Amino acid sequence: MLYTHYDYLELPPGASIARIEAAYQLIKERLNGHSDETLVRKIHEAYSVLSSLERRRTYDDVLKRAADEADRELKTCLDELATPLARHVQEVPAALKVAMVAWAA
């Protein structure tokens, strides 16, 4: 599973700079040196990207393009799976024909 910088800081996309700073400090306190070095590096990288407006805009654009591509891919897959159902024309039952003619007269 792929995680975004927002996931590492436990934030929704569009979070304010103040929330990013607070989340980063909270996670640092919670980890307090008791975590995997790789995870700590990813959290620092997430903070570094999201706390910079320019880097964050670029990152958000990359996420948007990836989401759009995934949506197109899903739509293509679903369209390929969907097969049009054959339509069959039924004959009108004779009794119904008689009743309709009698009713119309």
Protein backbone atom coordinates (compact mmCIF):
# COMPACT_ATOMS: atom_id res chain seq x y z
CA MET A 1 0.00 0.00 0.00
CA LEU A 2 1.26 3.47 -0.83
CA TYR A 3 1.16 6.23 1.76
CA THR A 4 1.23 9.96 1.14
CA HIS A 5 2.98 12.62 3.18
CA TYR A 6 -0.44 13.48 4.60
CA ASP A 7 -0.79 9.89 5.84
CA TYR A 8 2.56 9.99 7.64
CA LEU A 9 1.51 13.13 9.51
CA GLU A 10 -2.05 11.82 9.99
CA LEU A 11 -3.54 14.86 8.27
CA PRO A 12 -6.15 15.43 5.56
CA PRO A 13 -5.04 17.11 2.33
CA GLY A 14 -5.48 20.86 2.60
CA ALA A 15 -4.46 21.03 6.27
CA SER A 16 -3.15 24.40 7.41
CA ILE A 17 0.52 25.07 8.13
CA ALA A 18 -0.33 25.35 11.84
CA ARG A 19 -1.95 21.89 11.81
CA ILE A 20 1.03 20.45 9.94
CA GLU A 21 3.43 21.86 12.54
CA ALA A 22 1.27 20.62 15.43
CA ALA A 23 0.92 17.13 13.91
CA TYR A 24 4.65 16.90 13.30
CA GLN A 25 5.46 17.89 16.89
CA LEU A 26 2.88 15.45 18.26
CA ILE A 27 4.24 12.55 16.20
CA LYS A 28 7.83 13.39 17.20
CA GLU A 29 6.82 13.31 20.87
CA ARG A 30 4.89 10.09 20.42
CA LEU A 31 7.82 8.36 18.69
CA ASN A 32 10.45 9.72 21.08
CA GLY A 33 13.21 7.59 19.54
CA HIS A 34 11.24 4.34 19.81
CA SER A 35 10.62 3.79 16.14
CA ASP A 36 12.01 2.46 12.92
CA GLU A 37 14.60 4.76 11.32
CA THR A 38 12.89 4.49 7.94
CA LEU A 39 9.57 5.65 9.39
CA VAL A 40 11.24 8.60 11.14
CA ARG A 41 12.90 9.61 7.84
CA LYS A 42 9.56 9.46 6.03
CA ILE A 43 7.89 11.59 8.69
CA HIS A 44 10.66 14.21 8.47
CA GLU A 45 10.40 14.21 4.66
CA ALA A 46 6.61 14.59 4.88
CA TYR A 47 6.99 17.57 7.18
CA SER A 48 9.68 19.08 4.97
CA VAL A 49 7.46 18.89 1.87
CA LEU A 50 4.17 19.91 3.45
CA SER A 51 5.58 22.84 5.43
CA SER A 52 6.96 24.47 2.26
CA LEU A 53 4.22 26.11 0.20
CA GLU A 54 6.03 25.66 -3.11
CA ARG A 55 7.02 22.03 -2.48
CA ARG A 56 3.52 21.29 -1.19
CA ARG A 57 1.87 22.71 -4.33
CA THR A 58 4.12 20.56 -6.51
CA TYR A 59 3.42 17.50 -4.37
CA ASP A 60 -0.36 18.11 -4.42
CA ASP A 61 -0.22 18.41 -8.22
CA VAL A 62 1.56 15.04 -8.42
CA LEU A 63 -1.09 13.47 -6.15
CA LYS A 64 -3.88 14.98 -8.27
CA ARG A 65 -2.38 13.63 -11.51
CA ALA A 66 -1.95 10.18 -9.94
CA ALA A 67 -5.57 10.18 -8.71
CA ASP A 68 -6.84 11.28 -12.13
CA GLU A 69 -4.84 8.52 -13.83
CA ALA A 70 -6.18 5.93 -11.37
CA ASP A 71 -9.74 7.14 -12.05
CA ARG A 72 -9.21 6.84 -15.82
CA GLU A 73 -7.74 3.35 -15.40
CA LEU A 74 -10.64 2.23 -13.22
CA LYS A 75 -13.18 3.62 -15.67
CA THR A 76 -11.48 1.80 -18.54
CA CYS A 77 -11.50 -1.48 -16.61
CA LEU A 78 -15.16 -1.10 -15.65
CA ASP A 79 -16.13 -0.17 -19.21
CA GLU A 80 -14.37 -3.28 -20.53
CA LEU A 81 -16.22 -5.48 -18.04
CA ALA A 82 -19.61 -4.01 -18.83
CA THR A 83 -21.16 -5.82 -21.74
CA PRO A 84 -24.40 -4.56 -23.18
CA LEU A 85 -27.29 -6.87 -22.43
CA ALA A 86 -29.09 -8.30 -25.43
CA ARG A 87 -32.64 -7.07 -25.70
CA HIS A 88 -35.34 -9.48 -26.74
CA VAL A 89 -38.66 -8.42 -28.24
CA GLN A 90 -41.59 -10.38 -26.93
CA GLU A 91 -44.75 -11.17 -28.75
CA VAL A 92 -47.86 -9.61 -27.23
CA PRO A 93 -50.06 -12.38 -25.84
CA ALA A 94 -53.22 -12.97 -27.89
CA ALA A 95 -55.49 -12.46 -24.89
CA LEU A 96 -53.94 -9.04 -24.28
CA LYS A 97 -54.40 -8.11 -27.95
CA VAL A 98 -58.09 -9.05 -27.77
CA ALA A 99 -58.56 -7.08 -24.56
CA MET A 100 -56.82 -3.97 -25.97
CA VAL A 101 -58.91 -4.06 -29.16
CA ALA A 102 -62.11 -4.45 -27.14
CA TRP A 103 -61.10 -1.64 -24.80
CA ALA A 104 -60.18 0.70 -27.68
CA ALA A 105 -63.54 0.13 -29.43
